[in-house]
């Protein structure tokens, strides 16, 4: 885990597809990593890293997301990279 991160375990979940969740937050209170097991993939475990936060109209929004397989001792397995999302910008509209 990252230096100074705090973990919050949340299980059981009401989601029919995700179980055994653990969210890790940095000293700034922002989500940094979310670990979970996905039932629809045979209970496969993933480490979802969230980062590159930018201020968008006063709200901190992550612009980078990466999901890796979770291995021994809940360490990320660097290959294969399962999901890679980079967001160039957010826009909030009024309703």
PDB file of N, CA and C in Angstrom:
ATOM      1  N   UNK A   1       0.836  -1.182   0.000  1.00  0.00           N
ATOM      2  CA  UNK A   1       0.000   0.000   0.000  1.00  0.00           C
ATOM      3  C   UNK A   1       0.879   1.243   0.000  1.00  0.00           C
ATOM      4  N   UNK A   2       0.271   2.335  -0.369  1.00  0.00           N
ATOM      5  CA  UNK A   2       1.006   3.587  -0.399  1.00  0.00           C
ATOM      6  C   UNK A   2       1.283   4.099   0.995  1.00  0.00           C
ATOM      7  N   UNK A   3       2.268   4.947   1.105  1.00  0.00           N
ATOM      8  CA  UNK A   3       2.650   5.506   2.395  1.00  0.00           C
ATOM      9  C   UNK A   3       1.530   6.400   2.926  1.00  0.00           C
ATOM     10  N   UNK A   4       1.109   6.149   4.136  1.00  0.00           N
ATOM     11  CA  UNK A   4       0.089   6.957   4.780  1.00  0.00           C
ATOM     12  C   UNK A   4      -1.335   6.645   4.354  1.00  0.00           C
ATOM     13  N   UNK A   5      -1.538   5.598   3.557  1.00  0.00           N
ATOM     14  CA  UNK A   5      -2.891   5.253   3.144  1.00  0.00           C
ATOM     15  C   UNK A   5      -3.626   4.585   4.293  1.00  0.00           C
ATOM     16  N   UNK A   6      -4.927   4.805   4.350  1.00  0.00           N
ATOM     17  CA  UNK A   6      -5.776   4.175   5.356  1.00  0.00           C
ATOM     18  C   UNK A   6      -6.808   3.315   4.644  1.00  0.00           C
ATOM     19  N   UNK A   7      -7.030   2.115   5.144  1.00  0.00           N
ATOM     20  CA  UNK A   7      -7.949   1.176   4.510  1.00  0.00           C
ATOM     21  C   UNK A   7      -9.301   1.169   5.209  1.00  0.00           C
ATOM     22  N   UNK A   8     -10.347   0.996   4.414  1.00  0.00           N
ATOM     23  CA  UNK A   8     -11.711   0.863   4.908  1.00  0.00           C
ATOM     24  C   UNK A   8     -12.311  -0.364   4.234  1.00  0.00           C
ATOM     25  N   UNK A   9     -12.563  -1.402   5.018  1.00  0.00           N
ATOM     26  CA  UNK A   9     -13.160  -2.625   4.470  1.00  0.00           C
ATOM     27  C   UNK A   9     -14.664  -2.469   4.469  1.00  0.00           C
ATOM     28  N   UNK A  10     -15.284  -2.895   3.388  1.00  0.00           N
ATOM     29  CA  UNK A  10     -16.738  -2.826   3.300  1.00  0.00           C
ATOM     30  C   UNK A  10     -17.261  -4.117   2.692  1.00  0.00           C
ATOM     31  N   UNK A  11     -17.702  -5.009   3.530  1.00  0.00           N
ATOM     32  CA  UNK A  11     -18.316  -6.231   3.054  1.00  0.00           C
ATOM     33  C   UNK A  11     -19.245  -6.732   4.146  1.00  0.00           C
ATOM     34  N   UNK A  12     -20.283  -7.429   3.860  1.00  0.00           N
ATOM     35  CA  UNK A  12     -20.658  -7.839   2.512  1.00  0.00           C
ATOM     36  C   UNK A  12     -21.244  -6.671   1.729  1.00  0.00           C
ATOM     37  N   UNK A  13     -21.321  -6.849   0.450  1.00  0.00           N
ATOM     38  CA  UNK A  13     -21.874  -5.835  -0.423  1.00  0.00           C
ATOM     39  C   UNK A  13     -23.217  -6.305  -0.966  1.00  0.00           C
ATOM     40  N   UNK A  14     -24.039  -5.372  -1.378  1.00  0.00           N
ATOM     41  CA  UNK A  14     -25.325  -5.722  -1.973  1.00  0.00           C
ATOM     42  C   UNK A  14     -25.193  -5.907  -3.478  1.00  0.00           C
ATOM     43  N   UNK A  15     -24.015  -5.661  -4.022  1.00  0.00           N
ATOM     44  CA  UNK A  15     -23.792  -5.837  -5.456  1.00  0.00           C
ATOM     45  C   UNK A  15     -23.832  -7.317  -5.808  1.00  0.00           C
ATOM     46  N   UNK A  16     -24.531  -7.677  -6.884  1.00  0.00           N
ATOM     47  CA  UNK A  16     -24.558  -9.087  -7.284  1.00  0.00           C
ATOM     48  C   UNK A  16     -23.262  -9.540  -7.952  1.00  0.00           C
ATOM     49  N   UNK A  17     -22.349  -8.606  -8.240  1.00  0.00           N
ATOM     50  CA  UNK A  17     -21.139  -8.981  -8.973  1.00  0.00           C
ATOM     51  C   UNK A  17     -19.850  -8.725  -8.217  1.00  0.00           C
ATOM     52  N   UNK A  18     -19.849  -7.840  -7.222  1.00  0.00           N
ATOM     53  CA  UNK A  18     -18.617  -7.479  -6.518  1.00  0.00           C
ATOM     54  C   UNK A  18     -18.754  -7.837  -5.047  1.00  0.00           C
ATOM     55  N   UNK A  19     -17.673  -8.409  -4.488  1.00  0.00           N
ATOM     56  CA  UNK A  19     -17.678  -8.744  -3.052  1.00  0.00           C
ATOM     57  C   UNK A  19     -16.312  -8.426  -2.449  1.00  0.00           C
ATOM     58  N   UNK A  20     -16.226  -8.477  -1.131  1.00  0.00           N
ATOM     59  CA  UNK A  20     -14.971  -8.320  -0.399  1.00  0.00           C
ATOM     60  C   UNK A  20     -14.204  -7.081  -0.837  1.00  0.00           C
ATOM     61  N   UNK A  21     -14.801  -5.919  -0.635  1.00  0.00           N
ATOM     62  CA  UNK A  21     -14.185  -4.678  -1.053  1.00  0.00           C
ATOM     63  C   UNK A  21     -13.340  -4.043   0.051  1.00  0.00           C
ATOM     64  N   UNK A  22     -12.223  -3.446  -0.344  1.00  0.00           N
ATOM     65  CA  UNK A  22     -11.400  -2.657   0.569  1.00  0.00           C
ATOM     66  C   UNK A  22     -11.007  -1.390  -0.182  1.00  0.00           C
ATOM     67  N   UNK A  23     -11.322  -0.233   0.381  1.00  0.00           N
ATOM     68  CA  UNK A  23     -10.960   1.047  -0.217  1.00  0.00           C
ATOM     69  C   UNK A  23      -9.820   1.660   0.577  1.00  0.00           C
ATOM     70  N   UNK A  24      -8.828   2.193  -0.117  1.00  0.00           N
ATOM     71  CA  UNK A  24      -7.667   2.819   0.519  1.00  0.00           C
ATOM     72  C   UNK A  24      -7.622   4.293   0.161  1.00  0.00           C
ATOM     73  N   UNK A  25      -7.494   5.131   1.181  1.00  0.00           N
ATOM     74  CA  UNK A  25      -7.518   6.578   1.008  1.00  0.00           C
ATOM     75  C   UNK A  25      -6.178   7.173   1.409  1.00  0.00           C
ATOM     76  N   UNK A  26      -5.738   8.185   0.679  1.00  0.00           N
ATOM     77  CA  UNK A  26      -4.500   8.880   0.992  1.00  0.00           C
ATOM     78  C   UNK A  26      -4.694   9.839   2.145  1.00  0.00           C
ATOM     79  N   UNK A  27      -3.601  10.466   2.620  1.00  0.00           N
ATOM     80  CA  UNK A  27      -3.686  11.422   3.718  1.00  0.00           C
ATOM     81  C   UNK A  27      -4.596  12.606   3.394  1.00  0.00           C
ATOM     82  N   UNK A  28      -4.804  12.857   2.104  1.00  0.00           N
ATOM     83  CA  UNK A  28      -5.674  13.945   1.666  1.00  0.00           C
ATOM     84  C   UNK A  28      -7.148  13.543   1.643  1.00  0.00           C
ATOM     85  N   UNK A  29      -7.445  12.281   1.997  1.00  0.00           N
ATOM     86  CA  UNK A  29      -8.822  11.809   2.041  1.00  0.00           C
ATOM     87  C   UNK A  29      -9.351  11.323   0.699  1.00  0.00           C
ATOM     88  N   UNK A  30      -8.522  11.338  -0.344  1.00  0.00           N
ATOM     89  CA  UNK A  30      -8.962  10.916  -1.667  1.00  0.00           C
ATOM     90  C   UNK A  30      -8.708   9.425  -1.868  1.00  0.00           C
ATOM     91  N   UNK A  31      -9.614   8.784  -2.598  1.00  0.00           N
ATOM     92  CA  UNK A  31      -9.474   7.365  -2.903  1.00  0.00           C
ATOM     93  C   UNK A  31      -8.222   7.146  -3.740  1.00  0.00           C
ATOM     94  N   UNK A  32      -7.401   6.179  -3.356  1.00  0.00           N
ATOM     95  CA  UNK A  32      -6.168   5.863  -4.083  1.00  0.00           C
ATOM     96  C   UNK A  32      -6.197   4.456  -4.672  1.00  0.00           C
ATOM     97  N   UNK A  33      -6.817   3.507  -3.955  1.00  0.00           N
ATOM     98  CA  UNK A  33      -6.875   2.129  -4.439  1.00  0.00           C
ATOM     99  C   UNK A  33      -8.135   1.479  -3.905  1.00  0.00           C
ATOM    100  N   UNK A  34      -8.756   0.669  -4.754  1.00  0.00           N
ATOM    101  CA  UNK A  34      -9.970  -0.053  -4.371  1.00  0.00           C
ATOM    102  C   UNK A  34      -9.775  -1.509  -4.784  1.00  0.00           C
ATOM    103  N   UNK A  35      -9.709  -2.402  -3.804  1.00  0.00           N
ATOM    104  CA  UNK A  35      -9.542  -3.835  -4.064  1.00  0.00           C
ATOM    105  C   UNK A  35     -10.901  -4.513  -3.977  1.00  0.00           C
ATOM    106  N   UNK A  36     -11.126  -5.481  -4.857  1.00  0.00           N
ATOM    107  CA  UNK A  36     -12.398  -6.188  -4.845  1.00  0.00           C
ATOM    108  C   UNK A  36     -12.264  -7.518  -5.567  1.00  0.00           C
ATOM    109  N   UNK A  37     -13.253  -8.388  -5.344  1.00  0.00           N
ATOM    110  CA  UNK A  37     -13.359  -9.661  -6.060  1.00  0.00           C
ATOM    111  C   UNK A  37     -14.623  -9.589  -6.909  1.00  0.00           C
ATOM    112  N   UNK A  38     -14.526 -10.089  -8.132  1.00  0.00           N
ATOM    113  CA  UNK A  38     -15.636 -10.011  -9.081  1.00  0.00           C
ATOM    114  C   UNK A  38     -16.226 -11.406  -9.278  1.00  0.00           C
ATOM    115  N   UNK A  39     -17.454 -11.588  -8.824  1.00  0.00           N
ATOM    116  CA  UNK A  39     -18.105 -12.899  -8.906  1.00  0.00           C
ATOM    117  C   UNK A  39     -18.292 -13.369 -10.345  1.00  0.00           C
ATOM    118  N   UNK A  40     -18.627 -12.467 -11.251  1.00  0.00           N
ATOM    119  CA  UNK A  40     -18.890 -12.886 -12.638  1.00  0.00           C
ATOM    120  C   UNK A  40     -17.621 -13.354 -13.343  1.00  0.00           C
ATOM    121  N   UNK A  41     -16.464 -13.121 -12.725  1.00  0.00           N
ATOM    122  CA  UNK A  41     -15.198 -13.606 -13.268  1.00  0.00           C
ATOM    123  C   UNK A  41     -14.608 -14.695 -12.372  1.00  0.00           C
ATOM    124  N   UNK A  42     -15.480 -15.462 -11.750  1.00  0.00           N
ATOM    125  CA  UNK A  42     -15.034 -16.579 -10.917  1.00  0.00           C
ATOM    126  C   UNK A  42     -14.353 -16.155  -9.634  1.00  0.00           C
ATOM    127  N   UNK A  43     -14.680 -14.980  -9.127  1.00  0.00           N
ATOM    128  CA  UNK A  43     -14.070 -14.499  -7.895  1.00  0.00           C
ATOM    129  C   UNK A  43     -12.706 -13.865  -8.104  1.00  0.00           C
ATOM    130  N   UNK A  44     -12.374 -13.521  -9.362  1.00  0.00           N
ATOM    131  CA  UNK A  44     -11.081 -12.889  -9.653  1.00  0.00           C
ATOM    132  C   UNK A  44     -10.940 -11.606  -8.846  1.00  0.00           C
ATOM    133  N   UNK A  45      -9.733 -11.372  -8.337  1.00  0.00           N
ATOM    134  CA  UNK A  45      -9.469 -10.198  -7.505  1.00  0.00           C
ATOM    135  C   UNK A  45      -8.730  -9.140  -8.312  1.00  0.00           C
ATOM    136  N   UNK A  46      -9.111  -7.883  -8.081  1.00  0.00           N
ATOM    137  CA  UNK A  46      -8.477  -6.780  -8.781  1.00  0.00           C
ATOM    138  C   UNK A  46      -8.075  -5.664  -7.838  1.00  0.00           C
ATOM    139  N   UNK A  47      -7.033  -4.935  -8.229  1.00  0.00           N
ATOM    140  CA  UNK A  47      -6.573  -3.742  -7.515  1.00  0.00           C
ATOM    141  C   UNK A  47      -6.795  -2.561  -8.451  1.00  0.00           C
ATOM    142  N   UNK A  48      -7.720  -1.699  -8.106  1.00  0.00           N
ATOM    143  CA  UNK A  48      -8.115  -0.567  -8.933  1.00  0.00           C
ATOM    144  C   UNK A  48      -7.439   0.689  -8.374  1.00  0.00           C
ATOM    145  N   UNK A  49      -6.447   1.201  -9.106  1.00  0.00           N
ATOM    146  CA  UNK A  49      -5.717   2.402  -8.686  1.00  0.00           C
ATOM    147  C   UNK A  49      -6.355   3.636  -9.304  1.00  0.00           C
ATOM    148  N   UNK A  50      -6.525   4.669  -8.496  1.00  0.00           N
ATOM    149  CA  UNK A  50      -7.165   5.905  -8.913  1.00  0.00           C
ATOM    150  C   UNK A  50      -6.187   7.043  -8.649  1.00  0.00           C
ATOM    151  N   UNK A  51      -5.985   7.922  -9.631  1.00  0.00           N
ATOM    152  CA  UNK A  51      -5.025   9.003  -9.413  1.00  0.00           C
ATOM    153  C   UNK A  51      -5.170  10.144 -10.389  1.00  0.00           C
ATOM    154  N   UNK A  52      -4.167  11.000 -10.388  1.00  0.00           N
ATOM    155  CA  UNK A  52      -4.131  12.202 -11.212  1.00  0.00           C
ATOM    156  C   UNK A  52      -5.380  13.042 -10.977  1.00  0.00           C
ATOM    157  N   UNK A  53      -5.617  13.354  -9.699  1.00  0.00           N
ATOM    158  CA  UNK A  53      -6.777  14.159  -9.344  1.00  0.00           C
ATOM    159  C   UNK A  53      -6.581  15.601  -9.804  1.00  0.00           C
ATOM    160  N   UNK A  54      -7.635  16.174 -10.354  1.00  0.00           N
ATOM    161  CA  UNK A  54      -7.650  17.581 -10.759  1.00  0.00           C
ATOM    162  C   UNK A  54      -8.902  18.235 -10.208  1.00  0.00           C
ATOM    163  N   UNK A  55      -8.803  19.522  -9.960  1.00  0.00           N
ATOM    164  CA  UNK A  55      -9.941  20.278  -9.480  1.00  0.00           C
ATOM    165  C   UNK A  55     -10.869  20.586 -10.655  1.00  0.00           C
ATOM    166  N   UNK A  56     -12.110  20.177 -10.523  1.00  0.00           N
ATOM    167  CA  UNK A  56     -13.123  20.450 -11.533  1.00  0.00           C
ATOM    168  C   UNK A  56     -14.293  21.148 -10.860  1.00  0.00           C
ATOM    169  N   UNK A  57     -14.367  22.456 -11.014  1.00  0.00           N
ATOM    170  CA  UNK A  57     -15.449  23.242 -10.419  1.00  0.00           C
ATOM    171  C   UNK A  57     -15.548  23.018  -8.916  1.00  0.00           C
ATOM    172  N   UNK A  58     -14.383  22.905  -8.253  1.00  0.00           N
ATOM    173  CA  UNK A  58     -14.347  22.738  -6.806  1.00  0.00           C
ATOM    174  C   UNK A  58     -14.434  21.301  -6.327  1.00  0.00           C
ATOM    175  N   UNK A  59     -14.494  20.344  -7.250  1.00  0.00           N
ATOM    176  CA  UNK A  59     -14.567  18.932  -6.891  1.00  0.00           C
ATOM    177  C   UNK A  59     -13.334  18.214  -7.426  1.00  0.00           C
ATOM    178  N   UNK A  60     -12.656  17.476  -6.549  1.00  0.00           N
ATOM    179  CA  UNK A  60     -11.478  16.709  -6.976  1.00  0.00           C
ATOM    180  C   UNK A  60     -11.948  15.474  -7.732  1.00  0.00           C
ATOM    181  N   UNK A  61     -11.537  15.359  -8.986  1.00  0.00           N
ATOM    182  CA  UNK A  61     -11.937  14.237  -9.830  1.00  0.00           C
ATOM    183  C   UNK A  61     -10.693  13.515 -10.336  1.00  0.00           C
ATOM    184  N   UNK A  62     -10.689  12.170 -10.262  1.00  0.00           N
ATOM    185  CA  UNK A  62      -9.536  11.420 -10.769  1.00  0.00           C
ATOM    186  C   UNK A  62      -9.569  11.359 -12.295  1.00  0.00           C
ATOM    187  N   UNK A  63      -8.408  11.535 -12.895  1.00  0.00           N
ATOM    188  CA  UNK A  63      -8.310  11.488 -14.354  1.00  0.00           C
ATOM    189  C   UNK A  63      -7.577  10.248 -14.844  1.00  0.00           C
ATOM    190  N   UNK A  64      -7.117   9.401 -13.912  1.00  0.00           N
ATOM    191  CA  UNK A  64      -6.407   8.181 -14.297  1.00  0.00           C
ATOM    192  C   UNK A  64      -6.913   7.013 -13.452  1.00  0.00           C
ATOM    193  N   UNK A  65      -7.224   5.917 -14.131  1.00  0.00           N
ATOM    194  CA  UNK A  65      -7.663   4.688 -13.459  1.00  0.00           C
ATOM    195  C   UNK A  65      -6.952   3.510 -14.089  1.00  0.00           C
ATOM    196  N   UNK A  66      -6.463   2.602 -13.256  1.00  0.00           N
ATOM    197  CA  UNK A  66      -5.788   1.391 -13.711  1.00  0.00           C
ATOM    198  C   UNK A  66      -6.256   0.235 -12.838  1.00  0.00           C
ATOM    199  N   UNK A  67      -6.555  -0.893 -13.465  1.00  0.00           N
ATOM    200  CA  UNK A  67      -6.939  -2.089 -12.720  1.00  0.00           C
ATOM    201  C   UNK A  67      -5.963  -3.211 -13.075  1.00  0.00           C
ATOM    202  N   UNK A  68      -5.387  -3.796 -12.032  1.00  0.00           N
ATOM    203  CA  UNK A  68      -4.427  -4.896 -12.157  1.00  0.00           C
ATOM    204  C   UNK A  68      -4.977  -6.113 -11.432  1.00  0.00           C
ATOM    205  N   UNK A  69      -4.543  -7.309 -11.817  1.00  0.00           N
ATOM    206  CA  UNK A  69      -4.882  -8.490 -11.020  1.00  0.00           C
ATOM    207  C   UNK A  69      -4.254  -8.358  -9.631  1.00  0.00           C
ATOM    208  N   UNK A  70      -4.884  -8.978  -8.668  1.00  0.00           N
ATOM    209  CA  UNK A  70      -4.380  -8.961  -7.294  1.00  0.00           C
ATOM    210  C   UNK A  70      -3.754 -10.314  -7.001  1.00  0.00           C
ATOM    211  N   UNK A  71      -2.515 -10.300  -6.512  1.00  0.00           N
ATOM    212  CA  UNK A  71      -1.787 -11.535  -6.261  1.00  0.00           C
ATOM    213  C   UNK A  71      -1.613 -11.829  -4.784  1.00  0.00           C
ATOM    214  N   UNK A  72      -0.532 -12.519  -4.478  1.00  0.00           N
ATOM    215  CA  UNK A  72      -0.199 -12.926  -3.119  1.00  0.00           C
ATOM    216  C   UNK A  72      -0.062 -11.697  -2.219  1.00  0.00           C
ATOM    217  N   UNK A  73      -0.564 -11.821  -1.000  1.00  0.00           N
ATOM    218  CA  UNK A  73      -0.493 -10.743  -0.009  1.00  0.00           C
ATOM    219  C   UNK A  73      -1.124  -9.445  -0.501  1.00  0.00           C
ATOM    220  N   UNK A  74      -2.131  -9.551  -1.353  1.00  0.00           N
ATOM    221  CA  UNK A  74      -2.846  -8.390  -1.890  1.00  0.00           C
ATOM    222  C   UNK A  74      -1.932  -7.405  -2.610  1.00  0.00           C
ATOM    223  N   UNK A  75      -0.908  -7.913  -3.253  1.00  0.00           N
ATOM    224  CA  UNK A  75      -0.023  -7.069  -4.064  1.00  0.00           C
ATOM    225  C   UNK A  75      -0.497  -7.106  -5.506  1.00  0.00           C
ATOM    226  N   UNK A  76      -0.400  -5.945  -6.174  1.00  0.00           N
ATOM    227  CA  UNK A  76      -0.820  -5.920  -7.578  1.00  0.00           C
ATOM    228  C   UNK A  76       0.146  -6.735  -8.428  1.00  0.00           C
ATOM    229  N   UNK A  77      -0.403  -7.398  -9.416  1.00  0.00           N
ATOM    230  CA  UNK A  77       0.381  -8.117 -10.409  1.00  0.00           C
ATOM    231  C   UNK A  77       0.506  -7.153 -11.594  1.00  0.00           C
ATOM    232  N   UNK A  78       1.720  -6.710 -11.941  1.00  0.00           N
ATOM    233  CA  UNK A  78       1.867  -5.644 -12.938  1.00  0.00           C
ATOM    234  C   UNK A  78       1.402  -6.001 -14.352  1.00  0.00           C
ATOM    235  N   UNK A  79       1.366  -7.271 -14.690  1.00  0.00           N
ATOM    236  CA  UNK A  79       0.917  -7.698 -16.020  1.00  0.00           C
ATOM    237  C   UNK A  79      -0.040  -8.862 -15.856  1.00  0.00           C
ATOM    238  N   UNK A  80      -1.115  -8.888 -16.554  1.00  0.00           N
ATOM    239  CA  UNK A  80      -1.551  -7.921 -17.549  1.00  0.00           C
ATOM    240  C   UNK A  80      -2.294  -6.751 -16.903  1.00  0.00           C
ATOM    241  N   UNK A  81      -2.208  -5.604 -17.520  1.00  0.00           N
ATOM    242  CA  UNK A  81      -3.018  -4.459 -17.135  1.00  0.00           C
ATOM    243  C   UNK A  81      -4.428  -4.748 -17.640  1.00  0.00           C
ATOM    244  N   UNK A  82      -5.404  -4.830 -16.720  1.00  0.00           N
ATOM    245  CA  UNK A  82      -6.758  -5.236 -17.094  1.00  0.00           C
ATOM    246  C   UNK A  82      -7.594  -4.090 -17.652  1.00  0.00           C
ATOM    247  N   UNK A  83      -7.499  -2.932 -17.024  1.00  0.00           N
ATOM    248  CA  UNK A  83      -8.270  -1.761 -17.453  1.00  0.00           C
ATOM    249  C   UNK A  83      -7.377  -0.542 -17.361  1.00  0.00           C
ATOM    250  N   UNK A  84      -7.418   0.300 -18.393  1.00  0.00           N
ATOM    251  CA  UNK A  84      -6.644   1.546 -18.425  1.00  0.00           C
ATOM    252  C   UNK A  84      -7.566   2.651 -18.927  1.00  0.00           C
ATOM    253  N   UNK A  85      -7.820   3.628 -18.062  1.00  0.00           N
ATOM    254  CA  UNK A  85      -8.694   4.745 -18.419  1.00  0.00           C
ATOM    255  C   UNK A  85      -7.965   6.045 -18.106  1.00  0.00           C
ATOM    256  N   UNK A  86      -7.856   6.909 -19.111  1.00  0.00           N
ATOM    257  CA  UNK A  86      -7.318   8.255 -18.943  1.00  0.00           C
ATOM    258  C   UNK A  86      -8.384   9.238 -19.398  1.00  0.00           C
ATOM    259  N   UNK A  87      -8.723  10.180 -18.551  1.00  0.00           N
ATOM    260  CA  UNK A  87      -9.779  11.139 -18.843  1.00  0.00           C
ATOM    261  C   UNK A  87      -9.139  12.504 -19.062  1.00  0.00           C
ATOM    262  N   UNK A  88      -9.385  13.089 -20.216  1.00  0.00           N
ATOM    263  CA  UNK A  88      -8.792  14.384 -20.553  1.00  0.00           C
ATOM    264  C   UNK A  88      -9.453  15.524 -19.792  1.00  0.00           C
ATOM    265  N   UNK A  89     -10.785  15.478 -19.647  1.00  0.00           N
ATOM    266  CA  UNK A  89     -11.475  16.569 -18.946  1.00  0.00           C
ATOM    267  C   UNK A  89     -12.852  16.117 -18.496  1.00  0.00           C
ATOM    268  N   UNK A  90     -13.344  16.818 -17.502  1.00  0.00           N
ATOM    269  CA  UNK A  90     -14.709  16.636 -17.004  1.00  0.00           C
ATOM    270  C   UNK A  90     -15.449  17.938 -17.209  1.00  0.00           C
ATOM    271  N   UNK A  91     -16.739  17.857 -17.384  1.00  0.00           N
ATOM    272  CA  UNK A  91     -17.565  19.055 -17.422  1.00  0.00           C
ATOM    273  C   UNK A  91     -18.832  18.777 -16.622  1.00  0.00           C
ATOM    274  N   UNK A  92     -19.135  19.664 -15.705  1.00  0.00           N
ATOM    275  CA  UNK A  92     -20.344  19.553 -14.925  1.00  0.00           C
ATOM    276  C   UNK A  92     -21.346  20.562 -15.457  1.00  0.00           C
ATOM    277  N   UNK A  93     -22.524  20.089 -15.756  1.00  0.00           N
ATOM    278  CA  UNK A  93     -23.565  20.980 -16.242  1.00  0.00           C
ATOM    279  C   UNK A  93     -24.616  21.204 -15.171  1.00  0.00           C
ATOM    280  N   UNK A  94     -25.403  22.218 -15.343  1.00  0.00           N
ATOM    281  CA  UNK A  94     -26.484  22.481 -14.402  1.00  0.00           C
ATOM    282  C   UNK A  94     -27.775  21.971 -15.003  1.00  0.00           C
ATOM    283  N   UNK A  95     -28.650  21.528 -14.101  1.00  0.00           N
ATOM    284  CA  UNK A  95     -29.939  20.999 -14.575  1.00  0.00           C
ATOM    285  C   UNK A  95     -31.049  21.948 -14.301  1.00  0.00           C
TER     286      UNK A  95
END
